[in-house]
Amino acid sequence: MSVEELLDAMPVPPDPYAVRLVAGVEEHQEEIDAIIRKFSAHWALERMPVVDRALLRIGVFELGWVVEVPTAVVISEAVELAKQYSTKDSGRFVNGLLGRISEHVRLEG
């Protein structure tokens, strides 16, 4: 099922920003995954908890392609969601990884 089909099947139209995130992650997933792999020392992307992987992909998309969202907001939102919906160590993991990535992505453009 494509992202478009998934969004069309929702009983209520999703928030436009959510649509932007989902479409952006889908469009840039190869680039996003390459960035995550580059900065996730000793962690294979496929072995990360699925929630962490999804939050990292969204966070990297926002850092790299949604420049109007401040870095601190991107990281803070991802960390809070990781704490709430993933493992007990996920908040720290997501925070550290997005922090390292943001130094590269936001400085390099």
PDB file of N, CA and C in Angstrom:
ATOM      1  N   MET A   1       0.854  -1.176   0.000  1.00  0.00           N
ATOM      2  CA  MET A   1       0.000   0.000   0.000  1.00  0.00           C
ATOM      3  C   MET A   1       0.899   1.238   0.000  1.00  0.00           C
ATOM      4  N   SER A   2       0.633   2.138  -0.909  1.00  0.00           N
ATOM      5  CA  SER A   2       1.423   3.362  -0.982  1.00  0.00           C
ATOM      6  C   SER A   2       1.000   4.331   0.127  1.00  0.00           C
ATOM      7  N   VAL A   3       1.822   5.312   0.357  1.00  0.00           N
ATOM      8  CA  VAL A   3       1.501   6.331   1.350  1.00  0.00           C
ATOM      9  C   VAL A   3       0.218   7.055   0.960  1.00  0.00           C
ATOM     10  N   GLU A   4       0.074   7.350  -0.312  1.00  0.00           N
ATOM     11  CA  GLU A   4      -1.122   8.040  -0.783  1.00  0.00           C
ATOM     12  C   GLU A   4      -2.382   7.211  -0.516  1.00  0.00           C
ATOM     13  N   GLU A   5      -2.303   5.909  -0.783  1.00  0.00           N
ATOM     14  CA  GLU A   5      -3.441   5.023  -0.534  1.00  0.00           C
ATOM     15  C   GLU A   5      -3.753   4.942   0.960  1.00  0.00           C
ATOM     16  N   LEU A   6      -2.719   4.857   1.754  1.00  0.00           N
ATOM     17  CA  LEU A   6      -2.893   4.809   3.206  1.00  0.00           C
ATOM     18  C   LEU A   6      -3.579   6.074   3.715  1.00  0.00           C
ATOM     19  N   LEU A   7      -3.112   7.217   3.266  1.00  0.00           N
ATOM     20  CA  LEU A   7      -3.708   8.484   3.704  1.00  0.00           C
ATOM     21  C   LEU A   7      -5.143   8.627   3.210  1.00  0.00           C
ATOM     22  N   ASP A   8      -5.411   8.175   1.994  1.00  0.00           N
ATOM     23  CA  ASP A   8      -6.771   8.235   1.453  1.00  0.00           C
ATOM     24  C   ASP A   8      -7.729   7.323   2.207  1.00  0.00           C
ATOM     25  N   ALA A   9      -7.216   6.244   2.780  1.00  0.00           N
ATOM     26  CA  ALA A   9      -8.058   5.283   3.489  1.00  0.00           C
ATOM     27  C   ALA A   9      -8.384   5.706   4.920  1.00  0.00           C
ATOM     28  N   MET A  10      -7.759   6.762   5.398  1.00  0.00           N
ATOM     29  CA  MET A  10      -8.005   7.201   6.773  1.00  0.00           C
ATOM     30  C   MET A  10      -9.431   7.734   6.905  1.00  0.00           C
ATOM     31  N   PRO A  11     -10.082   7.463   8.041  1.00  0.00           N
ATOM     32  CA  PRO A  11     -11.465   7.898   8.217  1.00  0.00           C
ATOM     33  C   PRO A  11     -11.612   9.415   8.346  1.00  0.00           C
ATOM     34  N   VAL A  12     -10.539  10.074   8.762  1.00  0.00           N
ATOM     35  CA  VAL A  12     -10.526  11.533   8.914  1.00  0.00           C
ATOM     36  C   VAL A  12      -9.309  12.045   8.160  1.00  0.00           C
ATOM     37  N   PRO A  13      -9.441  13.112   7.416  1.00  0.00           N
ATOM     38  CA  PRO A  13      -8.266  13.631   6.713  1.00  0.00           C
ATOM     39  C   PRO A  13      -7.154  13.993   7.701  1.00  0.00           C
ATOM     40  N   PRO A  14      -5.935  13.543   7.427  1.00  0.00           N
ATOM     41  CA  PRO A  14      -4.830  13.841   8.339  1.00  0.00           C
ATOM     42  C   PRO A  14      -4.416  15.313   8.253  1.00  0.00           C
ATOM     43  N   ASP A  15      -3.741  15.748   9.289  1.00  0.00           N
ATOM     44  CA  ASP A  15      -3.198  17.099   9.343  1.00  0.00           C
ATOM     45  C   ASP A  15      -2.247  17.304   8.160  1.00  0.00           C
ATOM     46  N   PRO A  16      -2.302  18.451   7.496  1.00  0.00           N
ATOM     47  CA  PRO A  16      -1.428  18.681   6.338  1.00  0.00           C
ATOM     48  C   PRO A  16       0.068  18.526   6.654  1.00  0.00           C
ATOM     49  N   TYR A  17       0.486  18.899   7.862  1.00  0.00           N
ATOM     50  CA  TYR A  17       1.900  18.745   8.210  1.00  0.00           C
ATOM     51  C   TYR A  17       2.263  17.265   8.326  1.00  0.00           C
ATOM     52  N   ALA A  18       1.353  16.455   8.849  1.00  0.00           N
ATOM     53  CA  ALA A  18       1.599  15.011   8.925  1.00  0.00           C
ATOM     54  C   ALA A  18       1.753  14.428   7.523  1.00  0.00           C
ATOM     55  N   VAL A  19       0.926  14.886   6.611  1.00  0.00           N
ATOM     56  CA  VAL A  19       1.024  14.433   5.218  1.00  0.00           C
ATOM     57  C   VAL A  19       2.373  14.836   4.637  1.00  0.00           C
ATOM     58  N   ARG A  20       2.804  16.044   4.931  1.00  0.00           N
ATOM     59  CA  ARG A  20       4.104  16.523   4.443  1.00  0.00           C
ATOM     60  C   ARG A  20       5.240  15.645   4.971  1.00  0.00           C
ATOM     61  N   LEU A  21       5.169  15.279   6.250  1.00  0.00           N
ATOM     62  CA  LEU A  21       6.207  14.438   6.834  1.00  0.00           C
ATOM     63  C   LEU A  21       6.230  13.046   6.201  1.00  0.00           C
ATOM     64  N   VAL A  22       5.069  12.430   6.104  1.00  0.00           N
ATOM     65  CA  VAL A  22       4.997  11.075   5.548  1.00  0.00           C
ATOM     66  C   VAL A  22       5.473  11.061   4.094  1.00  0.00           C
ATOM     67  N   ALA A  23       5.003  12.012   3.315  1.00  0.00           N
ATOM     68  CA  ALA A  23       5.405  12.073   1.906  1.00  0.00           C
ATOM     69  C   ALA A  23       6.896  12.381   1.778  1.00  0.00           C
ATOM     70  N   GLY A  24       7.397  13.271   2.612  1.00  0.00           N
ATOM     71  CA  GLY A  24       8.809  13.631   2.553  1.00  0.00           C
ATOM     72  C   GLY A  24       9.727  12.485   2.933  1.00  0.00           C
ATOM     73  N   VAL A  25       9.353  11.751   3.982  1.00  0.00           N
ATOM     74  CA  VAL A  25      10.157  10.597   4.383  1.00  0.00           C
ATOM     75  C   VAL A  25      10.141   9.552   3.274  1.00  0.00           C
ATOM     76  N   GLU A  26       8.986   9.315   2.680  1.00  0.00           N
ATOM     77  CA  GLU A  26       8.912   8.342   1.591  1.00  0.00           C
ATOM     78  C   GLU A  26       9.779   8.783   0.405  1.00  0.00           C
ATOM     79  N   GLU A  27       9.688  10.037   0.037  1.00  0.00           N
ATOM     80  CA  GLU A  27      10.430  10.541  -1.121  1.00  0.00           C
ATOM     81  C   GLU A  27      11.936  10.502  -0.914  1.00  0.00           C
ATOM     82  N   HIS A  28      12.390  10.758   0.302  1.00  0.00           N
ATOM     83  CA  HIS A  28      13.830  10.879   0.578  1.00  0.00           C
ATOM     84  C   HIS A  28      14.379   9.735   1.429  1.00  0.00           C
ATOM     85  N   GLN A  29      13.652   8.624   1.503  1.00  0.00           N
ATOM     86  CA  GLN A  29      14.033   7.557   2.444  1.00  0.00           C
ATOM     87  C   GLN A  29      15.447   7.034   2.231  1.00  0.00           C
ATOM     88  N   GLU A  30      15.879   6.868   1.006  1.00  0.00           N
ATOM     89  CA  GLU A  30      17.240   6.371   0.782  1.00  0.00           C
ATOM     90  C   GLU A  30      18.283   7.323   1.355  1.00  0.00           C
ATOM     91  N   GLU A  31      18.101   8.617   1.105  1.00  0.00           N
ATOM     92  CA  GLU A  31      19.034   9.623   1.637  1.00  0.00           C
ATOM     93  C   GLU A  31      18.976   9.663   3.153  1.00  0.00           C
ATOM     94  N   ILE A  32      17.771   9.628   3.687  1.00  0.00           N
ATOM     95  CA  ILE A  32      17.573   9.678   5.140  1.00  0.00           C
ATOM     96  C   ILE A  32      18.240   8.472   5.800  1.00  0.00           C
ATOM     97  N   ASP A  33      17.986   7.286   5.267  1.00  0.00           N
ATOM     98  CA  ASP A  33      18.581   6.081   5.842  1.00  0.00           C
ATOM     99  C   ASP A  33      20.100   6.111   5.756  1.00  0.00           C
ATOM    100  N   ALA A  34      20.638   6.647   4.682  1.00  0.00           N
ATOM    101  CA  ALA A  34      22.094   6.757   4.554  1.00  0.00           C
ATOM    102  C   ALA A  34      22.665   7.676   5.637  1.00  0.00           C
ATOM    103  N   ILE A  35      21.974   8.758   5.925  1.00  0.00           N
ATOM    104  CA  ILE A  35      22.417   9.678   6.979  1.00  0.00           C
ATOM    105  C   ILE A  35      22.364   8.989   8.329  1.00  0.00           C
ATOM    106  N   ILE A  36      21.268   8.298   8.613  1.00  0.00           N
ATOM    107  CA  ILE A  36      21.145   7.599   9.898  1.00  0.00           C
ATOM    108  C   ILE A  36      22.250   6.562  10.035  1.00  0.00           C
ATOM    109  N   ARG A  37      22.487   5.790   8.989  1.00  0.00           N
ATOM    110  CA  ARG A  37      23.542   4.773   9.039  1.00  0.00           C
ATOM    111  C   ARG A  37      24.911   5.401   9.292  1.00  0.00           C
ATOM    112  N   LYS A  38      25.170   6.525   8.668  1.00  0.00           N
ATOM    113  CA  LYS A  38      26.472   7.193   8.816  1.00  0.00           C
ATOM    114  C   LYS A  38      26.747   7.594  10.264  1.00  0.00           C
ATOM    115  N   PHE A  39      25.712   8.017  10.979  1.00  0.00           N
ATOM    116  CA  PHE A  39      25.907   8.545  12.326  1.00  0.00           C
ATOM    117  C   PHE A  39      25.553   7.563  13.445  1.00  0.00           C
ATOM    118  N   SER A  40      25.025   6.401  13.119  1.00  0.00           N
ATOM    119  CA  SER A  40      24.629   5.446  14.162  1.00  0.00           C
ATOM    120  C   SER A  40      25.712   4.388  14.352  1.00  0.00           C
ATOM    121  N   ALA A  41      26.769   4.786  15.004  1.00  0.00           N
ATOM    122  CA  ALA A  41      27.887   3.879  15.244  1.00  0.00           C
ATOM    123  C   ALA A  41      27.413   2.652  16.012  1.00  0.00           C
ATOM    124  N   HIS A  42      27.762   1.496  15.534  1.00  0.00           N
ATOM    125  CA  HIS A  42      27.473   0.214  16.178  1.00  0.00           C
ATOM    126  C   HIS A  42      25.989  -0.149  16.207  1.00  0.00           C
ATOM    127  N   TRP A  43      25.157   0.547  15.447  1.00  0.00           N
ATOM    128  CA  TRP A  43      23.727   0.230  15.401  1.00  0.00           C
ATOM    129  C   TRP A  43      23.284   0.100  13.952  1.00  0.00           C
ATOM    130  N   ALA A  44      22.923  -1.090  13.557  1.00  0.00           N
ATOM    131  CA  ALA A  44      22.375  -1.293  12.222  1.00  0.00           C
ATOM    132  C   ALA A  44      20.952  -0.744  12.205  1.00  0.00           C
ATOM    133  N   LEU A  45      20.605  -0.042  11.168  1.00  0.00           N
ATOM    134  CA  LEU A  45      19.274   0.556  11.047  1.00  0.00           C
ATOM    135  C   LEU A  45      18.182  -0.499  11.227  1.00  0.00           C
ATOM    136  N   GLU A  46      18.376  -1.649  10.639  1.00  0.00           N
ATOM    137  CA  GLU A  46      17.381  -2.715  10.691  1.00  0.00           C
ATOM    138  C   GLU A  46      17.215  -3.309  12.089  1.00  0.00           C
ATOM    139  N   ARG A  47      18.168  -3.114  12.969  1.00  0.00           N
ATOM    140  CA  ARG A  47      18.102  -3.666  14.325  1.00  0.00           C
ATOM    141  C   ARG A  47      17.552  -2.673  15.330  1.00  0.00           C
ATOM    142  N   MET A  48      17.351  -1.439  14.921  1.00  0.00           N
ATOM    143  CA  MET A  48      16.779  -0.433  15.817  1.00  0.00           C
ATOM    144  C   MET A  48      15.303  -0.737  16.044  1.00  0.00           C
ATOM    145  N   PRO A  49      14.802  -0.408  17.236  1.00  0.00           N
ATOM    146  CA  PRO A  49      13.355  -0.557  17.447  1.00  0.00           C
ATOM    147  C   PRO A  49      12.592   0.208  16.359  1.00  0.00           C
ATOM    148  N   VAL A  50      11.506  -0.369  15.886  1.00  0.00           N
ATOM    149  CA  VAL A  50      10.769   0.205  14.755  1.00  0.00           C
ATOM    150  C   VAL A  50      10.299   1.635  15.056  1.00  0.00           C
ATOM    151  N   VAL A  51       9.903   1.912  16.277  1.00  0.00           N
ATOM    152  CA  VAL A  51       9.456   3.266  16.627  1.00  0.00           C
ATOM    153  C   VAL A  51      10.635   4.229  16.543  1.00  0.00           C
ATOM    154  N   ASP A  52      11.783   3.826  17.066  1.00  0.00           N
ATOM    155  CA  ASP A  52      12.972   4.682  16.991  1.00  0.00           C
ATOM    156  C   ASP A  52      13.333   4.968  15.539  1.00  0.00           C
ATOM    157  N   ARG A  53      13.300   3.938  14.729  1.00  0.00           N
ATOM    158  CA  ARG A  53      13.641   4.089  13.304  1.00  0.00           C
ATOM    159  C   ARG A  53      12.689   5.074  12.630  1.00  0.00           C
ATOM    160  N   ALA A  54      11.404   4.964  12.910  1.00  0.00           N
ATOM    161  CA  ALA A  54      10.425   5.878  12.314  1.00  0.00           C
ATOM    162  C   ALA A  54      10.649   7.307  12.799  1.00  0.00           C
ATOM    163  N   LEU A  55      10.887   7.469  14.086  1.00  0.00           N
ATOM    164  CA  LEU A  55      11.114   8.819  14.620  1.00  0.00           C
ATOM    165  C   LEU A  55      12.405   9.431  14.081  1.00  0.00           C
ATOM    166  N   LEU A  56      13.430   8.622  13.939  1.00  0.00           N
ATOM    167  CA  LEU A  56      14.682   9.123  13.366  1.00  0.00           C
ATOM    168  C   LEU A  56      14.486   9.551  11.918  1.00  0.00           C
ATOM    169  N   ARG A  57      13.737   8.768  11.170  1.00  0.00           N
ATOM    170  CA  ARG A  57      13.486   9.146   9.771  1.00  0.00           C
ATOM    171  C   ARG A  57      12.721  10.466   9.694  1.00  0.00           C
ATOM    172  N   ILE A  58      11.714  10.622  10.513  1.00  0.00           N
ATOM    173  CA  ILE A  58      10.962  11.881  10.524  1.00  0.00           C
ATOM    174  C   ILE A  58      11.872  13.026  10.953  1.00  0.00           C
ATOM    175  N   GLY A  59      12.644  12.809  12.007  1.00  0.00           N
ATOM    176  CA  GLY A  59      13.544  13.848  12.495  1.00  0.00           C
ATOM    177  C   GLY A  59      14.581  14.263  11.472  1.00  0.00           C
ATOM    178  N   VAL A  60      15.167  13.297  10.800  1.00  0.00           N
ATOM    179  CA  VAL A  60      16.172  13.615   9.777  1.00  0.00           C
ATOM    180  C   VAL A  60      15.517  14.358   8.616  1.00  0.00           C
ATOM    181  N   PHE A  61      14.318  13.947   8.238  1.00  0.00           N
ATOM    182  CA  PHE A  61      13.616  14.674   7.175  1.00  0.00           C
ATOM    183  C   PHE A  61      13.394  16.124   7.595  1.00  0.00           C
ATOM    184  N   GLU A  62      12.917  16.341   8.803  1.00  0.00           N
ATOM    185  CA  GLU A  62      12.693  17.721   9.264  1.00  0.00           C
ATOM    186  C   GLU A  62      13.993  18.508   9.320  1.00  0.00           C
ATOM    187  N   LEU A  63      15.059  17.891   9.805  1.00  0.00           N
ATOM    188  CA  LEU A  63      16.342  18.596   9.891  1.00  0.00           C
ATOM    189  C   LEU A  63      16.879  18.963   8.515  1.00  0.00           C
ATOM    190  N   GLY A  64      16.719  18.078   7.565  1.00  0.00           N
ATOM    191  CA  GLY A  64      17.306  18.301   6.252  1.00  0.00           C
ATOM    192  C   GLY A  64      16.436  19.028   5.253  1.00  0.00           C
ATOM    193  N   TRP A  65      15.114  18.894   5.382  1.00  0.00           N
ATOM    194  CA  TRP A  65      14.234  19.424   4.342  1.00  0.00           C
ATOM    195  C   TRP A  65      13.161  20.381   4.840  1.00  0.00           C
ATOM    196  N   VAL A  66      13.012  20.523   6.147  1.00  0.00           N
ATOM    197  CA  VAL A  66      11.992  21.424   6.707  1.00  0.00           C
ATOM    198  C   VAL A  66      12.728  22.422   7.606  1.00  0.00           C
ATOM    199  N   VAL A  67      13.464  23.303   6.975  1.00  0.00           N
ATOM    200  CA  VAL A  67      14.377  24.182   7.709  1.00  0.00           C
ATOM    201  C   VAL A  67      13.676  25.195   8.609  1.00  0.00           C
ATOM    202  N   GLU A  68      12.386  25.438   8.389  1.00  0.00           N
ATOM    203  CA  GLU A  68      11.692  26.408   9.230  1.00  0.00           C
ATOM    204  C   GLU A  68      11.406  25.880  10.637  1.00  0.00           C
ATOM    205  N   VAL A  69      11.531  24.568  10.848  1.00  0.00           N
ATOM    206  CA  VAL A  69      11.347  24.003  12.188  1.00  0.00           C
ATOM    207  C   VAL A  69      12.696  24.036  12.901  1.00  0.00           C
ATOM    208  N   PRO A  70      12.767  24.706  14.057  1.00  0.00           N
ATOM    209  CA  PRO A  70      14.044  24.800  14.773  1.00  0.00           C
ATOM    210  C   PRO A  70      14.583  23.421  15.183  1.00  0.00           C
ATOM    211  N   THR A  71      15.882  23.299  15.169  1.00  0.00           N
ATOM    212  CA  THR A  71      16.555  22.052  15.526  1.00  0.00           C
ATOM    213  C   THR A  71      16.094  21.534  16.878  1.00  0.00           C
ATOM    214  N   ALA A  72      16.051  22.399  17.873  1.00  0.00           N
ATOM    215  CA  ALA A  72      15.658  21.974  19.221  1.00  0.00           C
ATOM    216  C   ALA A  72      14.251  21.397  19.245  1.00  0.00           C
ATOM    217  N   VAL A  73      13.361  21.942  18.448  1.00  0.00           N
ATOM    218  CA  VAL A  73      11.983  21.444  18.388  1.00  0.00           C
ATOM    219  C   VAL A  73      11.951  20.057  17.758  1.00  0.00           C
ATOM    220  N   VAL A  74      12.672  19.877  16.673  1.00  0.00           N
ATOM    221  CA  VAL A  74      12.725  18.572  16.005  1.00  0.00           C
ATOM    222  C   VAL A  74      13.192  17.507  16.989  1.00  0.00           C
ATOM    223  N   ILE A  75      14.294  17.779  17.654  1.00  0.00           N
ATOM    224  CA  ILE A  75      14.884  16.792  18.573  1.00  0.00           C
ATOM    225  C   ILE A  75      13.978  16.563  19.773  1.00  0.00           C
ATOM    226  N   SER A  76      13.473  17.616  20.365  1.00  0.00           N
ATOM    227  CA  SER A  76      12.622  17.502  21.548  1.00  0.00           C
ATOM    228  C   SER A  76      11.367  16.676  21.278  1.00  0.00           C
ATOM    229  N   GLU A  77      10.709  16.935  20.163  1.00  0.00           N
ATOM    230  CA  GLU A  77       9.490  16.187  19.822  1.00  0.00           C
ATOM    231  C   GLU A  77       9.803  14.713  19.611  1.00  0.00           C
ATOM    232  N   ALA A  78      10.882  14.420  18.899  1.00  0.00           N
ATOM    233  CA  ALA A  78      11.254  13.020  18.649  1.00  0.00           C
ATOM    234  C   ALA A  78      11.599  12.309  19.953  1.00  0.00           C
ATOM    235  N   VAL A  79      12.314  12.988  20.836  1.00  0.00           N
ATOM    236  CA  VAL A  79      12.702  12.388  22.117  1.00  0.00           C
ATOM    237  C   VAL A  79      11.468  12.094  22.966  1.00  0.00           C
ATOM    238  N   GLU A  80      10.556  13.032  23.043  1.00  0.00           N
ATOM    239  CA  GLU A  80       9.341  12.814  23.839  1.00  0.00           C
ATOM    240  C   GLU A  80       8.526  11.643  23.306  1.00  0.00           C
ATOM    241  N   LEU A  81       8.392  11.542  21.992  1.00  0.00           N
ATOM    242  CA  LEU A  81       7.657  10.422  21.409  1.00  0.00           C
ATOM    243  C   LEU A  81       8.382   9.099  21.659  1.00  0.00           C
ATOM    244  N   ALA A  82       9.708   9.110  21.575  1.00  0.00           N
ATOM    245  CA  ALA A  82      10.482   7.895  21.843  1.00  0.00           C
ATOM    246  C   ALA A  82      10.303   7.452  23.293  1.00  0.00           C
ATOM    247  N   LYS A  83      10.334   8.391  24.222  1.00  0.00           N
ATOM    248  CA  LYS A  83      10.136   8.065  25.638  1.00  0.00           C
ATOM    249  C   LYS A  83       8.753   7.462  25.868  1.00  0.00           C
ATOM    250  N   GLN A  84       7.770   8.000  25.197  1.00  0.00           N
ATOM    251  CA  GLN A  84       6.393   7.566  25.415  1.00  0.00           C
ATOM    252  C   GLN A  84       6.070   6.241  24.727  1.00  0.00           C
ATOM    253  N   TYR A  85       6.611   6.023  23.530  1.00  0.00           N
ATOM    254  CA  TYR A  85       6.161   4.889  22.729  1.00  0.00           C
ATOM    255  C   TYR A  85       7.206   3.811  22.452  1.00  0.00           C
ATOM    256  N   SER A  86       8.440   3.984  22.944  1.00  0.00           N
ATOM    257  CA  SER A  86       9.461   2.984  22.635  1.00  0.00           C
ATOM    258  C   SER A  86      10.102   2.468  23.920  1.00  0.00           C
ATOM    259  N   THR A  87      11.333   2.033  23.849  1.00  0.00           N
ATOM    260  CA  THR A  87      12.014   1.410  24.989  1.00  0.00           C
ATOM    261  C   THR A  87      12.472   2.444  26.005  1.00  0.00           C
ATOM    262  N   LYS A  88      12.899   1.974  27.160  1.00  0.00           N
ATOM    263  CA  LYS A  88      13.323   2.900  28.221  1.00  0.00           C
ATOM    264  C   LYS A  88      14.573   3.686  27.839  1.00  0.00           C
ATOM    265  N   ASP A  89      15.378   3.173  26.928  1.00  0.00           N
ATOM    266  CA  ASP A  89      16.600   3.868  26.507  1.00  0.00           C
ATOM    267  C   ASP A  89      16.426   4.657  25.214  1.00  0.00           C
ATOM    268  N   SER A  90      15.256   4.590  24.629  1.00  0.00           N
ATOM    269  CA  SER A  90      15.048   5.202  23.311  1.00  0.00           C
ATOM    270  C   SER A  90      15.164   6.717  23.324  1.00  0.00           C
ATOM    271  N   GLY A  91      14.706   7.368  24.368  1.00  0.00           N
ATOM    272  CA  GLY A  91      14.797   8.825  24.430  1.00  0.00           C
ATOM    273  C   GLY A  91      16.238   9.304  24.318  1.00  0.00           C
ATOM    274  N   ARG A  92      17.115   8.678  25.094  1.00  0.00           N
ATOM    275  CA  ARG A  92      18.539   9.049  25.045  1.00  0.00           C
ATOM    276  C   ARG A  92      19.143   8.719  23.692  1.00  0.00           C
ATOM    277  N   PHE A  93      18.791   7.552  23.156  1.00  0.00           N
ATOM    278  CA  PHE A  93      19.334   7.123  21.866  1.00  0.00           C
ATOM    279  C   PHE A  93      18.933   8.093  20.755  1.00  0.00           C
ATOM    280  N   VAL A  94      17.650   8.412  20.667  1.00  0.00           N
ATOM    281  CA  VAL A  94      17.141   9.324  19.639  1.00  0.00           C
ATOM    282  C   VAL A  94      17.744  10.709  19.823  1.00  0.00           C
ATOM    283  N   ASN A  95      17.841  11.166  21.054  1.00  0.00           N
ATOM    284  CA  ASN A  95      18.420  12.482  21.337  1.00  0.00           C
ATOM    285  C   ASN A  95      19.870  12.553  20.856  1.00  0.00           C
ATOM    286  N   GLY A  96      20.661  11.567  21.225  1.00  0.00           N
ATOM    287  CA  GLY A  96      22.074  11.584  20.849  1.00  0.00           C
ATOM    288  C   GLY A  96      22.277  11.500  19.349  1.00  0.00           C
ATOM    289  N   LEU A  97      21.527  10.628  18.711  1.00  0.00           N
ATOM    290  CA  LEU A  97      21.698  10.441  17.269  1.00  0.00           C
ATOM    291  C   LEU A  97      21.222  11.661  16.484  1.00  0.00           C
ATOM    292  N   LEU A  98      20.053  12.183  16.810  1.00  0.00           N
ATOM    293  CA  LEU A  98      19.582  13.384  16.101  1.00  0.00           C
ATOM    294  C   LEU A  98      20.467  14.588  16.399  1.00  0.00           C
ATOM    295  N   GLY A  99      21.024  14.652  17.605  1.00  0.00           N
ATOM    296  CA  GLY A  99      21.956  15.738  17.925  1.00  0.00           C
ATOM    297  C   GLY A  99      23.182  15.711  17.031  1.00  0.00           C
ATOM    298  N   ARG A 100      23.766  14.525  16.874  1.00  0.00           N
ATOM    299  CA  ARG A 100      24.938  14.390  15.992  1.00  0.00           C
ATOM    300  C   ARG A 100      24.575  14.687  14.540  1.00  0.00           C
ATOM    301  N   ILE A 101      23.448  14.173  14.124  1.00  0.00           N
ATOM    302  CA  ILE A 101      23.015  14.394  12.746  1.00  0.00           C
ATOM    303  C   ILE A 101      22.745  15.872  12.496  1.00  0.00           C
ATOM    304  N   SER A 102      22.117  16.543  13.442  1.00  0.00           N
ATOM    305  CA  SER A 102      21.771  17.960  13.243  1.00  0.00           C
ATOM    306  C   SER A 102      23.010  18.825  13.072  1.00  0.00           C
ATOM    307  N   GLU A 103      24.082  18.500  13.767  1.00  0.00           N
ATOM    308  CA  GLU A 103      25.317  19.268  13.620  1.00  0.00           C
ATOM    309  C   GLU A 103      25.834  19.189  12.190  1.00  0.00           C
ATOM    310  N   HIS A 104      25.647  18.079  11.559  1.00  0.00           N
ATOM    311  CA  HIS A 104      26.099  17.872  10.180  1.00  0.00           C
ATOM    312  C   HIS A 104      25.086  18.451   9.180  1.00  0.00           C
ATOM    313  N   VAL A 105      23.839  18.060   9.318  1.00  0.00           N
ATOM    314  CA  VAL A 105      22.820  18.400   8.340  1.00  0.00           C
ATOM    315  C   VAL A 105      22.513  19.894   8.336  1.00  0.00           C
ATOM    316  N   ARG A 106      22.341  20.486   9.491  1.00  0.00           N
ATOM    317  CA  ARG A 106      21.964  21.903   9.543  1.00  0.00           C
ATOM    318  C   ARG A 106      23.132  22.827   9.177  1.00  0.00           C
ATOM    319  N   LEU A 107      24.349  22.420   9.471  1.00  0.00           N
ATOM    320  CA  LEU A 107      25.503  23.245   9.105  1.00  0.00           C
ATOM    321  C   LEU A 107      25.832  23.128   7.618  1.00  0.00           C
ATOM    322  N   GLU A 108      25.649  21.913   7.082  1.00  0.00           N
ATOM    323  CA  GLU A 108      26.000  21.668   5.686  1.00  0.00           C
ATOM    324  C   GLU A 108      24.871  22.077   4.745  1.00  0.00           C
ATOM    325  N   GLY A 109      23.670  22.267   5.322  1.00  0.00           N
ATOM    326  CA  GLY A 109      22.528  22.656   4.485  1.00  0.00           C
ATOM    327  C   GLY A 109      21.836  21.462   3.939  1.00  0.00           C
TER     328      GLY A 109
END
